[in-house]
Amino acid sequence: QVQLVESGGGLVQAGGSLRLSCAASGRTFSTYAMGWFRQAPGKEREFVAAISWSGSRTNVADSVKGRFTISRDNAKNTGYLQMNSLKPEDTAVYYCAADSTRPSYASTWSGAYNTWGQGTQVTVSS
């Protein structure tokens, strides 16, 4: 089983950038697909981006396309979410997740992921 720890969240002004990291330990990170989800207060958790184990396949939500980029470095057991041109509506707790059963996919469905991190808060001020 892999364990995930997110970092890099914080407070940023609209138009700014943040890079979230997801550090994995335990089972080999490269055997998992990875996803990022977010949850704003009073709203359901929503898909943000996903990447297959090799990085050859990615999916990005329409709401962040062109602004957010997902990547991973398997040698460092770390995944990343680069967030540019941030908007107040991007404010949420961001979670990374690992999918061990379909590593070649980049699923947009939260139910595909069987391991989750504790989340990191991102707040974008207007």
N, C-alpha and C. Protein backbone atom coordinates (compact mmCIF):
# COMPACT_ATOMS: atom_id res chain seq x y z
N GLN A 1 0.85 -1.19 0.00
CA GLN A 1 0.00 0.00 0.00
C GLN A 1 0.89 1.25 0.00
N VAL A 2 0.51 2.21 -0.78
CA VAL A 2 1.26 3.46 -0.84
C VAL A 2 0.62 4.48 0.08
N GLN A 3 1.43 5.34 0.67
CA GLN A 3 0.95 6.46 1.46
C GLN A 3 1.27 7.75 0.72
N LEU A 4 0.35 8.71 0.79
CA LEU A 4 0.47 9.95 0.04
C LEU A 4 0.42 11.14 0.97
N VAL A 5 1.30 12.11 0.74
CA VAL A 5 1.30 13.33 1.53
C VAL A 5 1.41 14.52 0.58
N GLU A 6 0.40 15.39 0.63
CA GLU A 6 0.41 16.58 -0.21
C GLU A 6 1.11 17.74 0.49
N SER A 7 1.66 18.63 -0.30
CA SER A 7 2.25 19.86 0.23
C SER A 7 2.21 20.92 -0.86
N GLY A 8 2.49 22.15 -0.47
CA GLY A 8 2.57 23.24 -1.44
C GLY A 8 1.38 24.16 -1.48
N GLY A 9 0.34 23.83 -0.71
CA GLY A 9 -0.81 24.71 -0.67
C GLY A 9 -0.51 26.01 0.06
N GLY A 10 -1.46 26.94 0.00
CA GLY A 10 -1.27 28.21 0.68
C GLY A 10 -2.22 29.26 0.18
N LEU A 11 -1.92 30.50 0.55
CA LEU A 11 -2.73 31.65 0.15
C LEU A 11 -2.01 32.39 -0.97
N VAL A 12 -2.73 32.66 -2.04
CA VAL A 12 -2.15 33.35 -3.19
C VAL A 12 -3.19 34.30 -3.77
N GLN A 13 -2.72 35.37 -4.37
CA GLN A 13 -3.64 36.30 -5.02
C GLN A 13 -4.08 35.77 -6.38
N ALA A 14 -5.23 36.21 -6.81
CA ALA A 14 -5.72 35.83 -8.12
C ALA A 14 -4.68 36.18 -9.18
N GLY A 15 -4.50 35.25 -10.12
CA GLY A 15 -3.48 35.41 -11.14
C GLY A 15 -2.15 34.80 -10.79
N GLY A 16 -1.99 34.41 -9.54
CA GLY A 16 -0.74 33.82 -9.09
C GLY A 16 -0.63 32.35 -9.39
N SER A 17 0.45 31.75 -8.91
CA SER A 17 0.75 30.35 -9.17
C SER A 17 1.12 29.62 -7.90
N LEU A 18 0.86 28.34 -7.89
CA LEU A 18 1.30 27.43 -6.85
C LEU A 18 1.65 26.10 -7.50
N ARG A 19 2.56 25.37 -6.87
CA ARG A 19 2.83 24.01 -7.30
C ARG A 19 2.59 23.08 -6.13
N LEU A 20 1.66 22.19 -6.29
CA LEU A 20 1.39 21.18 -5.28
C LEU A 20 2.26 19.96 -5.55
N SER A 21 2.69 19.33 -4.47
CA SER A 21 3.45 18.09 -4.56
C SER A 21 2.70 16.99 -3.83
N CYS A 22 2.88 15.79 -4.31
CA CYS A 22 2.29 14.61 -3.67
C CYS A 22 3.41 13.59 -3.51
N ALA A 23 3.92 13.47 -2.30
CA ALA A 23 5.02 12.55 -2.01
C ALA A 23 4.46 11.19 -1.63
N ALA A 24 4.97 10.16 -2.28
CA ALA A 24 4.50 8.79 -2.04
C ALA A 24 5.56 7.99 -1.31
N SER A 25 5.10 7.14 -0.43
CA SER A 25 6.00 6.20 0.26
C SER A 25 5.31 4.85 0.33
N GLY A 26 6.09 3.83 0.59
CA GLY A 26 5.54 2.48 0.65
C GLY A 26 5.74 1.79 -0.67
N ARG A 27 4.69 1.26 -1.21
CA ARG A 27 4.76 0.53 -2.47
C ARG A 27 5.24 1.44 -3.60
N THR A 28 5.90 0.87 -4.58
CA THR A 28 6.51 1.62 -5.67
C THR A 28 5.51 2.54 -6.36
N PHE A 29 5.83 3.81 -6.34
CA PHE A 29 4.94 4.83 -6.87
C PHE A 29 4.65 4.63 -8.34
N SER A 30 5.61 4.11 -9.08
CA SER A 30 5.45 3.98 -10.52
C SER A 30 4.43 2.91 -10.91
N THR A 31 3.92 2.16 -9.93
CA THR A 31 2.90 1.16 -10.25
C THR A 31 1.49 1.74 -10.14
N TYR A 32 1.37 3.02 -9.87
CA TYR A 32 0.08 3.67 -9.68
C TYR A 32 -0.16 4.75 -10.72
N ALA A 33 -1.40 4.89 -11.12
CA ALA A 33 -1.84 6.14 -11.74
C ALA A 33 -2.12 7.12 -10.60
N MET A 34 -2.08 8.40 -10.90
CA MET A 34 -2.26 9.41 -9.87
C MET A 34 -3.27 10.45 -10.32
N GLY A 35 -4.06 10.89 -9.38
CA GLY A 35 -5.03 11.93 -9.69
C GLY A 35 -5.02 13.03 -8.65
N TRP A 36 -5.53 14.18 -9.06
CA TRP A 36 -5.75 15.30 -8.16
C TRP A 36 -7.24 15.64 -8.18
N PHE A 37 -7.80 15.82 -7.00
CA PHE A 37 -9.19 16.21 -6.83
C PHE A 37 -9.22 17.39 -5.88
N ARG A 38 -10.34 18.09 -5.86
CA ARG A 38 -10.48 19.20 -4.93
C ARG A 38 -11.90 19.26 -4.40
N GLN A 39 -12.02 19.86 -3.23
CA GLN A 39 -13.32 20.01 -2.61
C GLN A 39 -13.41 21.37 -1.95
N ALA A 40 -14.34 22.16 -2.41
CA ALA A 40 -14.60 23.48 -1.83
C ALA A 40 -15.68 23.34 -0.76
N PRO A 41 -15.75 24.27 0.17
CA PRO A 41 -16.77 24.20 1.23
C PRO A 41 -18.17 24.12 0.66
N GLY A 42 -18.93 23.15 1.14
CA GLY A 42 -20.31 23.01 0.71
C GLY A 42 -20.49 22.37 -0.66
N LYS A 43 -19.38 21.95 -1.26
CA LYS A 43 -19.47 21.34 -2.59
C LYS A 43 -18.92 19.93 -2.57
N GLU A 44 -19.27 19.17 -3.59
CA GLU A 44 -18.76 17.81 -3.71
C GLU A 44 -17.32 17.83 -4.22
N ARG A 45 -16.62 16.75 -3.92
CA ARG A 45 -15.26 16.61 -4.44
C ARG A 45 -15.32 16.50 -5.95
N GLU A 46 -14.42 17.20 -6.63
CA GLU A 46 -14.43 17.19 -8.08
C GLU A 46 -13.04 16.86 -8.63
N PHE A 47 -13.06 16.27 -9.79
CA PHE A 47 -11.84 15.89 -10.50
C PHE A 47 -11.11 17.14 -10.99
N VAL A 48 -9.78 17.10 -10.89
CA VAL A 48 -8.95 18.19 -11.40
C VAL A 48 -8.04 17.69 -12.54
N ALA A 49 -7.26 16.67 -12.25
CA ALA A 49 -6.31 16.16 -13.26
C ALA A 49 -5.86 14.77 -12.87
N ALA A 50 -5.40 14.00 -13.86
CA ALA A 50 -4.90 12.66 -13.61
C ALA A 50 -3.80 12.33 -14.60
N ILE A 51 -2.95 11.38 -14.21
CA ILE A 51 -1.83 10.98 -15.04
C ILE A 51 -1.57 9.50 -14.85
N SER A 52 -1.27 8.80 -15.93
CA SER A 52 -0.99 7.38 -15.86
C SER A 52 0.39 7.14 -15.24
N TRP A 53 0.71 5.87 -14.98
CA TRP A 53 1.95 5.57 -14.28
C TRP A 53 3.18 6.06 -15.05
N SER A 54 3.11 6.02 -16.37
CA SER A 54 4.27 6.41 -17.18
C SER A 54 4.27 7.89 -17.53
N GLY A 55 3.13 8.54 -17.32
CA GLY A 55 3.01 9.93 -17.73
C GLY A 55 2.56 10.10 -19.16
N SER A 56 2.33 8.99 -19.86
CA SER A 56 1.98 9.07 -21.27
C SER A 56 0.53 9.46 -21.50
N ARG A 57 -0.28 9.30 -20.46
CA ARG A 57 -1.70 9.62 -20.58
C ARG A 57 -2.08 10.59 -19.47
N THR A 58 -2.74 11.67 -19.83
CA THR A 58 -3.22 12.63 -18.84
C THR A 58 -4.65 13.05 -19.16
N ASN A 59 -5.35 13.47 -18.14
CA ASN A 59 -6.66 14.08 -18.28
C ASN A 59 -6.69 15.32 -17.39
N VAL A 60 -7.33 16.36 -17.89
CA VAL A 60 -7.43 17.61 -17.13
C VAL A 60 -8.86 18.11 -17.24
N ALA A 61 -9.42 18.54 -16.13
CA ALA A 61 -10.78 19.06 -16.14
C ALA A 61 -10.88 20.32 -16.99
N ASP A 62 -12.01 20.49 -17.63
CA ASP A 62 -12.20 21.66 -18.50
C ASP A 62 -12.03 22.96 -17.72
N SER A 63 -12.43 22.94 -16.47
CA SER A 63 -12.39 24.16 -15.66
C SER A 63 -10.97 24.66 -15.40
N VAL A 64 -9.98 23.79 -15.54
CA VAL A 64 -8.59 24.19 -15.27
C VAL A 64 -7.68 23.99 -16.48
N LYS A 65 -8.23 23.52 -17.56
CA LYS A 65 -7.43 23.26 -18.75
C LYS A 65 -6.77 24.54 -19.24
N GLY A 66 -5.50 24.41 -19.57
CA GLY A 66 -4.74 25.58 -20.00
C GLY A 66 -4.11 26.36 -18.86
N ARG A 67 -4.52 26.05 -17.63
CA ARG A 67 -3.96 26.73 -16.45
C ARG A 67 -3.21 25.76 -15.54
N PHE A 68 -3.69 24.54 -15.42
CA PHE A 68 -3.08 23.54 -14.54
C PHE A 68 -2.38 22.47 -15.37
N THR A 69 -1.27 21.98 -14.86
CA THR A 69 -0.52 20.91 -15.51
C THR A 69 -0.17 19.85 -14.48
N ILE A 70 -0.45 18.60 -14.82
CA ILE A 70 -0.10 17.49 -13.94
C ILE A 70 1.16 16.82 -14.47
N SER A 71 2.02 16.39 -13.56
CA SER A 71 3.23 15.69 -13.95
C SER A 71 3.66 14.77 -12.82
N ARG A 72 4.66 13.96 -13.07
CA ARG A 72 5.17 13.08 -12.04
C ARG A 72 6.62 12.78 -12.29
N ASP A 73 7.34 12.48 -11.23
CA ASP A 73 8.73 12.06 -11.30
C ASP A 73 8.83 10.76 -10.51
N ASN A 74 8.79 9.65 -11.20
CA ASN A 74 8.78 8.36 -10.53
C ASN A 74 10.09 8.09 -9.79
N ALA A 75 11.17 8.66 -10.26
CA ALA A 75 12.45 8.48 -9.57
C ALA A 75 12.43 9.14 -8.19
N LYS A 76 11.62 10.18 -8.05
CA LYS A 76 11.50 10.89 -6.78
C LYS A 76 10.24 10.49 -6.02
N ASN A 77 9.48 9.56 -6.57
CA ASN A 77 8.22 9.13 -5.93
C ASN A 77 7.31 10.30 -5.62
N THR A 78 7.23 11.23 -6.56
CA THR A 78 6.48 12.45 -6.33
C THR A 78 5.66 12.83 -7.56
N GLY A 79 4.44 13.27 -7.31
CA GLY A 79 3.61 13.84 -8.34
C GLY A 79 3.43 15.32 -8.10
N TYR A 80 3.05 16.03 -9.16
CA TYR A 80 2.95 17.48 -9.06
C TYR A 80 1.68 17.99 -9.75
N LEU A 81 1.21 19.11 -9.27
CA LEU A 81 0.14 19.85 -9.94
C LEU A 81 0.58 21.31 -9.99
N GLN A 82 0.97 21.75 -11.18
CA GLN A 82 1.35 23.15 -11.37
C GLN A 82 0.09 23.94 -11.68
N MET A 83 -0.17 24.96 -10.88
CA MET A 83 -1.39 25.74 -11.01
C MET A 83 -1.02 27.19 -11.32
N ASN A 84 -1.38 27.63 -12.50
CA ASN A 84 -1.11 29.01 -12.92
C ASN A 84 -2.43 29.76 -13.12
N SER A 85 -2.31 31.07 -13.18
CA SER A 85 -3.49 31.93 -13.41
C SER A 85 -4.64 31.56 -12.48
N LEU A 86 -4.32 31.43 -11.22
CA LEU A 86 -5.31 30.98 -10.24
C LEU A 86 -6.45 31.98 -10.09
N LYS A 87 -7.63 31.43 -9.85
CA LYS A 87 -8.85 32.22 -9.69
C LYS A 87 -9.44 31.95 -8.30
N PRO A 88 -10.23 32.87 -7.79
CA PRO A 88 -10.86 32.63 -6.49
C PRO A 88 -11.67 31.33 -6.46
N GLU A 89 -12.25 30.96 -7.57
CA GLU A 89 -13.05 29.73 -7.61
C GLU A 89 -12.19 28.47 -7.55
N ASP A 90 -10.89 28.61 -7.61
CA ASP A 90 -9.99 27.47 -7.42
C ASP A 90 -9.76 27.17 -5.93
N THR A 91 -10.27 28.02 -5.07
CA THR A 91 -10.12 27.81 -3.63
C THR A 91 -10.78 26.51 -3.21
N ALA A 92 -10.00 25.65 -2.56
CA ALA A 92 -10.50 24.33 -2.15
C ALA A 92 -9.39 23.60 -1.40
N VAL A 93 -9.76 22.48 -0.82
CA VAL A 93 -8.76 21.52 -0.35
C VAL A 93 -8.45 20.60 -1.52
N TYR A 94 -7.17 20.45 -1.79
CA TYR A 94 -6.72 19.62 -2.92
C TYR A 94 -6.16 18.31 -2.38
N TYR A 95 -6.61 17.22 -3.00
CA TYR A 95 -6.20 15.89 -2.60
C TYR A 95 -5.52 15.19 -3.75
N CYS A 96 -4.45 14.48 -3.46
CA CYS A 96 -3.91 13.57 -4.46
C CYS A 96 -4.37 12.16 -4.10
N ALA A 97 -4.42 11.32 -5.12
CA ALA A 97 -4.93 9.97 -4.95
C ALA A 97 -4.20 9.03 -5.89
N ALA A 98 -4.14 7.76 -5.51
CA ALA A 98 -3.45 6.75 -6.30
C ALA A 98 -4.42 5.64 -6.71
N ASP A 99 -4.28 5.22 -7.95
CA ASP A 99 -5.10 4.14 -8.52
C ASP A 99 -4.16 2.99 -8.84
N SER A 100 -4.27 1.91 -8.07
CA SER A 100 -3.38 0.76 -8.26
C SER A 100 -3.92 -0.26 -9.24
N THR A 101 -5.21 -0.18 -9.56
CA THR A 101 -5.82 -1.23 -10.37
C THR A 101 -5.80 -0.93 -11.86
N ARG A 102 -5.65 0.34 -12.21
CA ARG A 102 -5.61 0.72 -13.63
C ARG A 102 -4.48 1.71 -13.87
N PRO A 103 -3.25 1.32 -13.66
CA PRO A 103 -2.13 2.27 -13.71
C PRO A 103 -1.89 2.89 -15.08
N SER A 104 -2.39 2.25 -16.14
CA SER A 104 -2.18 2.80 -17.48
C SER A 104 -3.24 3.81 -17.89
N TYR A 105 -4.20 4.02 -17.00
CA TYR A 105 -5.26 4.97 -17.28
C TYR A 105 -5.04 6.25 -16.47
N ALA A 106 -5.83 7.24 -16.75
CA ALA A 106 -5.82 8.50 -16.01
C ALA A 106 -7.29 8.83 -15.73
N SER A 107 -7.84 8.11 -14.78
CA SER A 107 -9.27 8.15 -14.56
C SER A 107 -9.73 9.48 -13.97
N THR A 108 -10.90 9.92 -14.42
CA THR A 108 -11.52 11.13 -13.87
C THR A 108 -12.49 10.80 -12.75
N TRP A 109 -12.68 9.53 -12.47
CA TRP A 109 -13.66 9.07 -11.50
C TRP A 109 -13.00 8.84 -10.14
N SER A 110 -13.50 9.47 -9.11
CA SER A 110 -12.87 9.35 -7.80
C SER A 110 -12.92 7.93 -7.27
N GLY A 111 -13.94 7.16 -7.67
CA GLY A 111 -14.05 5.79 -7.21
C GLY A 111 -12.97 4.87 -7.72
N ALA A 112 -12.23 5.30 -8.73
CA ALA A 112 -11.14 4.48 -9.26
C ALA A 112 -9.92 4.49 -8.36
N TYR A 113 -9.86 5.44 -7.45
CA TYR A 113 -8.67 5.66 -6.63
C TYR A 113 -8.85 5.01 -5.26
N ASN A 114 -7.86 4.23 -4.85
CA ASN A 114 -7.99 3.48 -3.61
C ASN A 114 -7.10 3.98 -2.48
N THR A 115 -6.32 5.01 -2.75
CA THR A 115 -5.50 5.61 -1.70
C THR A 115 -5.55 7.12 -1.85
N TRP A 116 -5.73 7.81 -0.72
CA TRP A 116 -5.87 9.26 -0.75
C TRP A 116 -4.92 9.90 0.26
N GLY A 117 -4.47 11.10 -0.07
CA GLY A 117 -3.72 11.89 0.89
C GLY A 117 -4.66 12.65 1.80
N GLN A 118 -4.07 13.43 2.71
CA GLN A 118 -4.88 14.13 3.71
C GLN A 118 -5.39 15.48 3.19
N GLY A 119 -4.84 15.96 2.10
CA GLY A 119 -5.29 17.20 1.50
C GLY A 119 -4.44 18.39 1.89
N THR A 120 -4.43 19.39 1.03
CA THR A 120 -3.72 20.64 1.30
C THR A 120 -4.62 21.79 0.85
N GLN A 121 -4.70 22.82 1.68
CA GLN A 121 -5.60 23.94 1.41
C GLN A 121 -4.97 24.91 0.42
N VAL A 122 -5.76 25.28 -0.57
CA VAL A 122 -5.38 26.33 -1.51
C VAL A 122 -6.44 27.43 -1.42
N THR A 123 -6.01 28.64 -1.13
CA THR A 123 -6.91 29.77 -1.04
C THR A 123 -6.45 30.86 -1.99
N VAL A 124 -7.34 31.28 -2.86
CA VAL A 124 -7.02 32.30 -3.84
C VAL A 124 -7.85 33.55 -3.52
N SER A 125 -7.18 34.63 -3.22
CA SER A 125 -7.88 35.87 -2.88
C SER A 125 -8.08 36.73 -4.12
N SER A 126 -9.17 37.47 -4.12
CA SER A 126 -9.49 38.30 -5.29
C SER A 126 -8.90 39.70 -5.15
